[in-house]
């Protein structure tokens, strides 16, 4: 995982961005962003399957439904 964020307005909602964010000679590619609504017990892929690496997730502090800012993408283009 490249990034994890907890929703401050509801700590049971956790976001995880797949793909390692630390570039080195061996790095794992991810398949999008995952969301848990039960504190991390269960996870669902909710999109961005071609993003490869998600290095940062910011959750809207106002608690608006699923508003995120992400930083990611291929390490080399």
PDB file of N, CA and C in Angstrom:
ATOM      1  N   UNK A   1       0.837  -1.187   0.000  1.00  0.00           N
ATOM      2  CA  UNK A   1       0.000   0.000   0.000  1.00  0.00           C
ATOM      3  C   UNK A   1       0.878   1.244   0.000  1.00  0.00           C
ATOM      4  N   UNK A   2       0.446   2.230  -0.759  1.00  0.00           N
ATOM      5  CA  UNK A   2       1.194   3.472  -0.851  1.00  0.00           C
ATOM      6  C   UNK A   2       0.719   4.538   0.103  1.00  0.00           C
ATOM      7  N   UNK A   3      -0.571   4.465   0.506  1.00  0.00           N
ATOM      8  CA  UNK A   3      -1.122   5.491   1.385  1.00  0.00           C
ATOM      9  C   UNK A   3      -2.356   4.950   2.092  1.00  0.00           C
ATOM     10  N   UNK A   4      -2.573   5.458   3.298  1.00  0.00           N
ATOM     11  CA  UNK A   4      -3.765   5.109   4.077  1.00  0.00           C
ATOM     12  C   UNK A   4      -4.283   6.394   4.712  1.00  0.00           C
ATOM     13  N   UNK A   5      -5.606   6.559   4.736  1.00  0.00           N
ATOM     14  CA  UNK A   5      -6.210   7.725   5.372  1.00  0.00           C
ATOM     15  C   UNK A   5      -7.493   7.311   6.084  1.00  0.00           C
ATOM     16  N   UNK A   6      -7.717   7.915   7.238  1.00  0.00           N
ATOM     17  CA  UNK A   6      -8.933   7.660   8.028  1.00  0.00           C
ATOM     18  C   UNK A   6      -9.791   8.911   7.960  1.00  0.00           C
ATOM     19  N   UNK A   7     -11.082   8.713   7.736  1.00  0.00           N
ATOM     20  CA  UNK A   7     -12.034   9.821   7.685  1.00  0.00           C
ATOM     21  C   UNK A   7     -12.252  10.329   9.112  1.00  0.00           C
ATOM     22  N   UNK A   8     -11.896  11.580   9.369  1.00  0.00           N
ATOM     23  CA  UNK A   8     -12.026  12.140  10.722  1.00  0.00           C
ATOM     24  C   UNK A   8     -13.468  12.229  11.189  1.00  0.00           C
ATOM     25  N   UNK A   9     -14.393  12.412  10.248  1.00  0.00           N
ATOM     26  CA  UNK A   9     -15.802  12.522  10.640  1.00  0.00           C
ATOM     27  C   UNK A   9     -16.429  11.164  10.930  1.00  0.00           C
ATOM     28  N   UNK A  10     -15.798  10.085  10.446  1.00  0.00           N
ATOM     29  CA  UNK A  10     -16.268   8.730  10.715  1.00  0.00           C
ATOM     30  C   UNK A  10     -15.068   7.794  10.669  1.00  0.00           C
ATOM     31  N   UNK A  11     -14.446   7.511  11.832  1.00  0.00           N
ATOM     32  CA  UNK A  11     -13.225   6.702  11.846  1.00  0.00           C
ATOM     33  C   UNK A  11     -13.387   5.268  11.354  1.00  0.00           C
ATOM     34  N   UNK A  12     -14.610   4.819  11.129  1.00  0.00           N
ATOM     35  CA  UNK A  12     -14.809   3.486  10.564  1.00  0.00           C
ATOM     36  C   UNK A  12     -14.540   3.474   9.062  1.00  0.00           C
ATOM     37  N   UNK A  13     -14.512   4.657   8.439  1.00  0.00           N
ATOM     38  CA  UNK A  13     -14.212   4.744   7.010  1.00  0.00           C
ATOM     39  C   UNK A  13     -12.711   4.942   6.836  1.00  0.00           C
ATOM     40  N   UNK A  14     -12.089   3.979   6.163  1.00  0.00           N
ATOM     41  CA  UNK A  14     -10.651   3.995   5.932  1.00  0.00           C
ATOM     42  C   UNK A  14     -10.410   3.833   4.433  1.00  0.00           C
ATOM     43  N   UNK A  15      -9.494   4.614   3.900  1.00  0.00           N
ATOM     44  CA  UNK A  15      -9.121   4.572   2.495  1.00  0.00           C
ATOM     45  C   UNK A  15      -7.696   4.062   2.376  1.00  0.00           C
ATOM     46  N   UNK A  16      -7.426   3.242   1.373  1.00  0.00           N
ATOM     47  CA  UNK A  16      -6.075   2.741   1.132  1.00  0.00           C
ATOM     48  C   UNK A  16      -5.772   2.811  -0.357  1.00  0.00           C
ATOM     49  N   UNK A  17      -4.656   3.434  -0.681  1.00  0.00           N
ATOM     50  CA  UNK A  17      -4.207   3.521  -2.067  1.00  0.00           C
ATOM     51  C   UNK A  17      -3.167   2.453  -2.323  1.00  0.00           C
ATOM     52  N   UNK A  18      -3.396   1.649  -3.328  1.00  0.00           N
ATOM     53  CA  UNK A  18      -2.494   0.532  -3.595  1.00  0.00           C
ATOM     54  C   UNK A  18      -1.318   0.955  -4.465  1.00  0.00           C
ATOM     55  N   UNK A  19      -0.295   0.133  -4.446  1.00  0.00           N
ATOM     56  CA  UNK A  19       0.946   0.414  -5.167  1.00  0.00           C
ATOM     57  C   UNK A  19       1.925   1.122  -4.258  1.00  0.00           C
ATOM     58  N   UNK A  20       3.132   0.634  -4.222  1.00  0.00           N
ATOM     59  CA  UNK A  20       4.138   1.244  -3.354  1.00  0.00           C
ATOM     60  C   UNK A  20       4.465   2.656  -3.813  1.00  0.00           C
ATOM     61  N   UNK A  21       4.675   3.544  -2.860  1.00  0.00           N
ATOM     62  CA  UNK A  21       4.973   4.935  -3.191  1.00  0.00           C
ATOM     63  C   UNK A  21       6.464   5.237  -3.124  1.00  0.00           C
ATOM     64  N   UNK A  22       7.260   4.317  -2.645  1.00  0.00           N
ATOM     65  CA  UNK A  22       8.702   4.521  -2.527  1.00  0.00           C
ATOM     66  C   UNK A  22       9.383   3.910  -3.746  1.00  0.00           C
ATOM     67  N   UNK A  23       9.902   4.754  -4.629  1.00  0.00           N
ATOM     68  CA  UNK A  23      10.524   4.276  -5.866  1.00  0.00           C
ATOM     69  C   UNK A  23      11.910   3.712  -5.583  1.00  0.00           C
ATOM     70  N   UNK A  24      12.131   2.502  -6.025  1.00  0.00           N
ATOM     71  CA  UNK A  24      13.435   1.858  -5.923  1.00  0.00           C
ATOM     72  C   UNK A  24      13.532   0.834  -7.045  1.00  0.00           C
ATOM     73  N   UNK A  25      14.552   0.031  -7.081  1.00  0.00           N
ATOM     74  CA  UNK A  25      14.730  -0.875  -8.209  1.00  0.00           C
ATOM     75  C   UNK A  25      13.718  -2.016  -8.246  1.00  0.00           C
ATOM     76  N   UNK A  26      12.975  -2.235  -7.189  1.00  0.00           N
ATOM     77  CA  UNK A  26      11.914  -3.241  -7.169  1.00  0.00           C
ATOM     78  C   UNK A  26      10.709  -2.639  -6.466  1.00  0.00           C
ATOM     79  N   UNK A  27       9.643  -2.411  -7.209  1.00  0.00           N
ATOM     80  CA  UNK A  27       8.481  -1.742  -6.634  1.00  0.00           C
ATOM     81  C   UNK A  27       7.205  -2.439  -7.112  1.00  0.00           C
ATOM     82  N   UNK A  28       6.225  -2.553  -6.230  1.00  0.00           N
ATOM     83  CA  UNK A  28       4.959  -3.208  -6.575  1.00  0.00           C
ATOM     84  C   UNK A  28       3.962  -2.209  -7.132  1.00  0.00           C
ATOM     85  N   UNK A  29       3.275  -2.605  -8.191  1.00  0.00           N
ATOM     86  CA  UNK A  29       2.244  -1.793  -8.828  1.00  0.00           C
ATOM     87  C   UNK A  29       0.900  -2.154  -8.216  1.00  0.00           C
ATOM     88  N   UNK A  30       0.080  -1.149  -7.970  1.00  0.00           N
ATOM     89  CA  UNK A  30      -1.235  -1.381  -7.374  1.00  0.00           C
ATOM     90  C   UNK A  30      -2.345  -1.402  -8.397  1.00  0.00           C
ATOM     91  N   UNK A  31      -3.553  -1.560  -7.885  1.00  0.00           N
ATOM     92  CA  UNK A  31      -4.730  -1.627  -8.760  1.00  0.00           C
ATOM     93  C   UNK A  31      -5.858  -0.734  -8.273  1.00  0.00           C
ATOM     94  N   UNK A  32      -5.519   0.439  -7.753  1.00  0.00           N
ATOM     95  CA  UNK A  32      -6.551   1.398  -7.417  1.00  0.00           C
ATOM     96  C   UNK A  32      -6.646   1.752  -5.953  1.00  0.00           C
ATOM     97  N   UNK A  33      -7.807   2.301  -5.603  1.00  0.00           N
ATOM     98  CA  UNK A  33      -8.059   2.736  -4.239  1.00  0.00           C
ATOM     99  C   UNK A  33      -9.115   1.838  -3.604  1.00  0.00           C
ATOM    100  N   UNK A  34      -8.901   1.551  -2.352  1.00  0.00           N
ATOM    101  CA  UNK A  34      -9.800   0.672  -1.595  1.00  0.00           C
ATOM    102  C   UNK A  34     -10.450   1.457  -0.467  1.00  0.00           C
ATOM    103  N   UNK A  35     -11.676   1.060  -0.137  1.00  0.00           N
ATOM    104  CA  UNK A  35     -12.416   1.710   0.932  1.00  0.00           C
ATOM    105  C   UNK A  35     -12.958   0.649   1.882  1.00  0.00           C
ATOM    106  N   UNK A  36     -12.839   0.942   3.170  1.00  0.00           N
ATOM    107  CA  UNK A  36     -13.434   0.104   4.200  1.00  0.00           C
ATOM    108  C   UNK A  36     -14.427   0.960   4.970  1.00  0.00           C
ATOM    109  N   UNK A  37     -15.591   0.415   5.258  1.00  0.00           N
ATOM    110  CA  UNK A  37     -16.597   1.141   6.047  1.00  0.00           C
ATOM    111  C   UNK A  37     -16.765   0.522   7.433  1.00  0.00           C
ATOM    112  N   UNK A  38     -15.902  -0.444   7.757  1.00  0.00           N
ATOM    113  CA  UNK A  38     -15.998  -1.110   9.056  1.00  0.00           C
ATOM    114  C   UNK A  38     -14.652  -1.134   9.788  1.00  0.00           C
ATOM    115  N   UNK A  39     -13.897  -0.054   9.640  1.00  0.00           N
ATOM    116  CA  UNK A  39     -12.641   0.072  10.364  1.00  0.00           C
ATOM    117  C   UNK A  39     -11.521  -0.807   9.862  1.00  0.00           C
ATOM    118  N   UNK A  40     -11.617  -1.293   8.639  1.00  0.00           N
ATOM    119  CA  UNK A  40     -10.553  -2.080   8.048  1.00  0.00           C
ATOM    120  C   UNK A  40     -10.767  -3.582   8.064  1.00  0.00           C
ATOM    121  N   UNK A  41     -11.908  -4.035   8.522  1.00  0.00           N
ATOM    122  CA  UNK A  41     -12.203  -5.475   8.522  1.00  0.00           C
ATOM    123  C   UNK A  41     -12.411  -6.000   7.097  1.00  0.00           C
ATOM    124  N   UNK A  42     -13.108  -5.224   6.275  1.00  0.00           N
ATOM    125  CA  UNK A  42     -13.409  -5.613   4.892  1.00  0.00           C
ATOM    126  C   UNK A  42     -13.081  -4.445   3.971  1.00  0.00           C
ATOM    127  N   UNK A  43     -12.648  -4.779   2.741  1.00  0.00           N
ATOM    128  CA  UNK A  43     -12.229  -3.765   1.788  1.00  0.00           C
ATOM    129  C   UNK A  43     -12.878  -3.990   0.430  1.00  0.00           C
ATOM    130  N   UNK A  44     -13.188  -2.876  -0.262  1.00  0.00           N
ATOM    131  CA  UNK A  44     -13.713  -2.922  -1.626  1.00  0.00           C
ATOM    132  C   UNK A  44     -12.896  -1.987  -2.500  1.00  0.00           C
ATOM    133  N   UNK A  45     -12.528  -2.460  -3.697  1.00  0.00           N
ATOM    134  CA  UNK A  45     -11.864  -1.603  -4.664  1.00  0.00           C
ATOM    135  C   UNK A  45     -12.938  -0.678  -5.236  1.00  0.00           C
ATOM    136  N   UNK A  46     -12.712   0.635  -5.117  1.00  0.00           N
ATOM    137  CA  UNK A  46     -13.720   1.597  -5.560  1.00  0.00           C
ATOM    138  C   UNK A  46     -13.280   2.421  -6.764  1.00  0.00           C
ATOM    139  N   UNK A  47     -12.184   2.004  -7.420  1.00  0.00           N
ATOM    140  CA  UNK A  47     -11.819   2.670  -8.666  1.00  0.00           C
ATOM    141  C   UNK A  47     -10.341   2.951  -8.822  1.00  0.00           C
ATOM    142  N   UNK A  48     -10.026   3.682  -9.887  1.00  0.00           N
ATOM    143  CA  UNK A  48      -8.667   4.060 -10.261  1.00  0.00           C
ATOM    144  C   UNK A  48      -7.764   2.845 -10.466  1.00  0.00           C
ATOM    145  N   UNK A  49      -8.307   1.830 -11.106  1.00  0.00           N
ATOM    146  CA  UNK A  49      -7.590   0.564 -11.273  1.00  0.00           C
ATOM    147  C   UNK A  49      -6.306   0.684 -12.086  1.00  0.00           C
ATOM    148  N   UNK A  50      -6.167   1.720 -12.909  1.00  0.00           N
ATOM    149  CA  UNK A  50      -4.955   1.899 -13.722  1.00  0.00           C
ATOM    150  C   UNK A  50      -3.981   2.915 -13.128  1.00  0.00           C
ATOM    151  N   UNK A  51      -4.184   3.310 -11.893  1.00  0.00           N
ATOM    152  CA  UNK A  51      -3.347   4.352 -11.290  1.00  0.00           C
ATOM    153  C   UNK A  51      -1.936   3.885 -10.952  1.00  0.00           C
ATOM    154  N   UNK A  52      -1.725   2.611 -10.742  1.00  0.00           N
ATOM    155  CA  UNK A  52      -0.434   1.980 -10.434  1.00  0.00           C
ATOM    156  C   UNK A  52       0.112   2.316  -9.057  1.00  0.00           C
ATOM    157  N   UNK A  53       0.214   3.600  -8.702  1.00  0.00           N
ATOM    158  CA  UNK A  53       0.790   3.993  -7.417  1.00  0.00           C
ATOM    159  C   UNK A  53      -0.002   5.161  -6.846  1.00  0.00           C
ATOM    160  N   UNK A  54      -0.548   5.015  -5.649  1.00  0.00           N
ATOM    161  CA  UNK A  54      -1.213   6.112  -4.967  1.00  0.00           C
ATOM    162  C   UNK A  54      -0.374   6.431  -3.739  1.00  0.00           C
ATOM    163  N   UNK A  55       0.234   7.610  -3.745  1.00  0.00           N
ATOM    164  CA  UNK A  55       1.199   7.979  -2.720  1.00  0.00           C
ATOM    165  C   UNK A  55       0.608   8.810  -1.592  1.00  0.00           C
ATOM    166  N   UNK A  56      -0.551   9.412  -1.811  1.00  0.00           N
ATOM    167  CA  UNK A  56      -1.137  10.256  -0.775  1.00  0.00           C
ATOM    168  C   UNK A  56      -2.637  10.330  -0.959  1.00  0.00           C
ATOM    169  N   UNK A  57      -3.364  10.297   0.163  1.00  0.00           N
ATOM    170  CA  UNK A  57      -4.818  10.425   0.160  1.00  0.00           C
ATOM    171  C   UNK A  57      -5.180  11.499   1.176  1.00  0.00           C
ATOM    172  N   UNK A  58      -5.963  12.470   0.756  1.00  0.00           N
ATOM    173  CA  UNK A  58      -6.495  13.480   1.668  1.00  0.00           C
ATOM    174  C   UNK A  58      -8.010  13.370   1.663  1.00  0.00           C
ATOM    175  N   UNK A  59      -8.589  13.200   2.832  1.00  0.00           N
ATOM    176  CA  UNK A  59     -10.039  13.089   2.967  1.00  0.00           C
ATOM    177  C   UNK A  59     -10.591  14.464   3.310  1.00  0.00           C
ATOM    178  N   UNK A  60     -11.709  14.839   2.709  1.00  0.00           N
ATOM    179  CA  UNK A  60     -12.338  16.126   2.982  1.00  0.00           C
ATOM    180  C   UNK A  60     -12.644  16.246   4.478  1.00  0.00           C
ATOM    181  N   UNK A  61     -12.055  17.224   5.175  1.00  0.00           N
ATOM    182  CA  UNK A  61     -12.281  17.349   6.614  1.00  0.00           C
ATOM    183  C   UNK A  61     -13.705  17.763   6.980  1.00  0.00           C
ATOM    184  N   UNK A  62     -14.472  18.247   5.998  1.00  0.00           N
ATOM    185  CA  UNK A  62     -15.862  18.623   6.252  1.00  0.00           C
ATOM    186  C   UNK A  62     -16.782  17.412   6.296  1.00  0.00           C
ATOM    187  N   UNK A  63     -16.251  16.241   5.952  1.00  0.00           N
ATOM    188  CA  UNK A  63     -17.041  15.020   6.007  1.00  0.00           C
ATOM    189  C   UNK A  63     -18.005  14.840   4.861  1.00  0.00           C
ATOM    190  N   UNK A  64     -17.832  15.590   3.774  1.00  0.00           N
ATOM    191  CA  UNK A  64     -18.711  15.401   2.619  1.00  0.00           C
ATOM    192  C   UNK A  64     -18.453  14.029   2.009  1.00  0.00           C
ATOM    193  N   UNK A  65     -19.488  13.396   1.591  1.00  0.00           N
ATOM    194  CA  UNK A  65     -19.455  12.016   1.110  1.00  0.00           C
ATOM    195  C   UNK A  65     -18.384  11.766   0.059  1.00  0.00           C
ATOM    196  N   UNK A  66     -17.398  10.949   0.380  1.00  0.00           N
ATOM    197  CA  UNK A  66     -16.386  10.440  -0.550  1.00  0.00           C
ATOM    198  C   UNK A  66     -15.671  11.511  -1.370  1.00  0.00           C
ATOM    199  N   UNK A  67     -15.339  12.631  -0.757  1.00  0.00           N
ATOM    200  CA  UNK A  67     -14.547  13.649  -1.452  1.00  0.00           C
ATOM    201  C   UNK A  67     -13.102  13.471  -1.043  1.00  0.00           C
ATOM    202  N   UNK A  68     -12.276  13.110  -2.031  1.00  0.00           N
ATOM    203  CA  UNK A  68     -10.871  12.814  -1.793  1.00  0.00           C
ATOM    204  C   UNK A  68      -9.990  13.606  -2.729  1.00  0.00           C
ATOM    205  N   UNK A  69      -8.738  13.765  -2.331  1.00  0.00           N
ATOM    206  CA  UNK A  69      -7.685  14.232  -3.228  1.00  0.00           C
ATOM    207  C   UNK A  69      -6.617  13.176  -3.185  1.00  0.00           C
ATOM    208  N   UNK A  70      -6.155  12.784  -4.352  1.00  0.00           N
ATOM    209  CA  UNK A  70      -5.165  11.726  -4.446  1.00  0.00           C
ATOM    210  C   UNK A  70      -3.970  12.192  -5.251  1.00  0.00           C
ATOM    211  N   UNK A  71      -2.817  11.608  -4.926  1.00  0.00           N
ATOM    212  CA  UNK A  71      -1.635  11.813  -5.737  1.00  0.00           C
ATOM    213  C   UNK A  71      -1.099  10.452  -6.106  1.00  0.00           C
ATOM    214  N   UNK A  72      -0.937  10.226  -7.397  1.00  0.00           N
ATOM    215  CA  UNK A  72      -0.439   8.932  -7.824  1.00  0.00           C
ATOM    216  C   UNK A  72      -0.206   8.886  -9.302  1.00  0.00           C
ATOM    217  N   UNK A  73       0.012   7.686  -9.795  1.00  0.00           N
ATOM    218  CA  UNK A  73       0.253   7.471 -11.205  1.00  0.00           C
ATOM    219  C   UNK A  73       1.502   6.657 -11.419  1.00  0.00           C
ATOM    220  N   UNK A  74       1.840   6.405 -12.669  1.00  0.00           N
ATOM    221  CA  UNK A  74       3.030   5.608 -12.970  1.00  0.00           C
ATOM    222  C   UNK A  74       4.301   6.293 -12.456  1.00  0.00           C
ATOM    223  N   UNK A  75       5.271   5.490 -12.033  1.00  0.00           N
ATOM    224  CA  UNK A  75       6.549   6.052 -11.585  1.00  0.00           C
ATOM    225  C   UNK A  75       7.361   6.580 -12.759  1.00  0.00           C
ATOM    226  N   UNK A  76       7.252   5.916 -13.904  1.00  0.00           N
ATOM    227  CA  UNK A  76       7.998   6.326 -15.104  1.00  0.00           C
ATOM    228  C   UNK A  76       7.047   6.303 -16.290  1.00  0.00           C
ATOM    229  N   UNK A  77       7.077   7.352 -17.071  1.00  0.00           N
ATOM    230  CA  UNK A  77       6.232   7.371 -18.267  1.00  0.00           C
ATOM    231  C   UNK A  77       7.080   7.417 -19.503  1.00  0.00           C
TER     232      UNK A  77
END
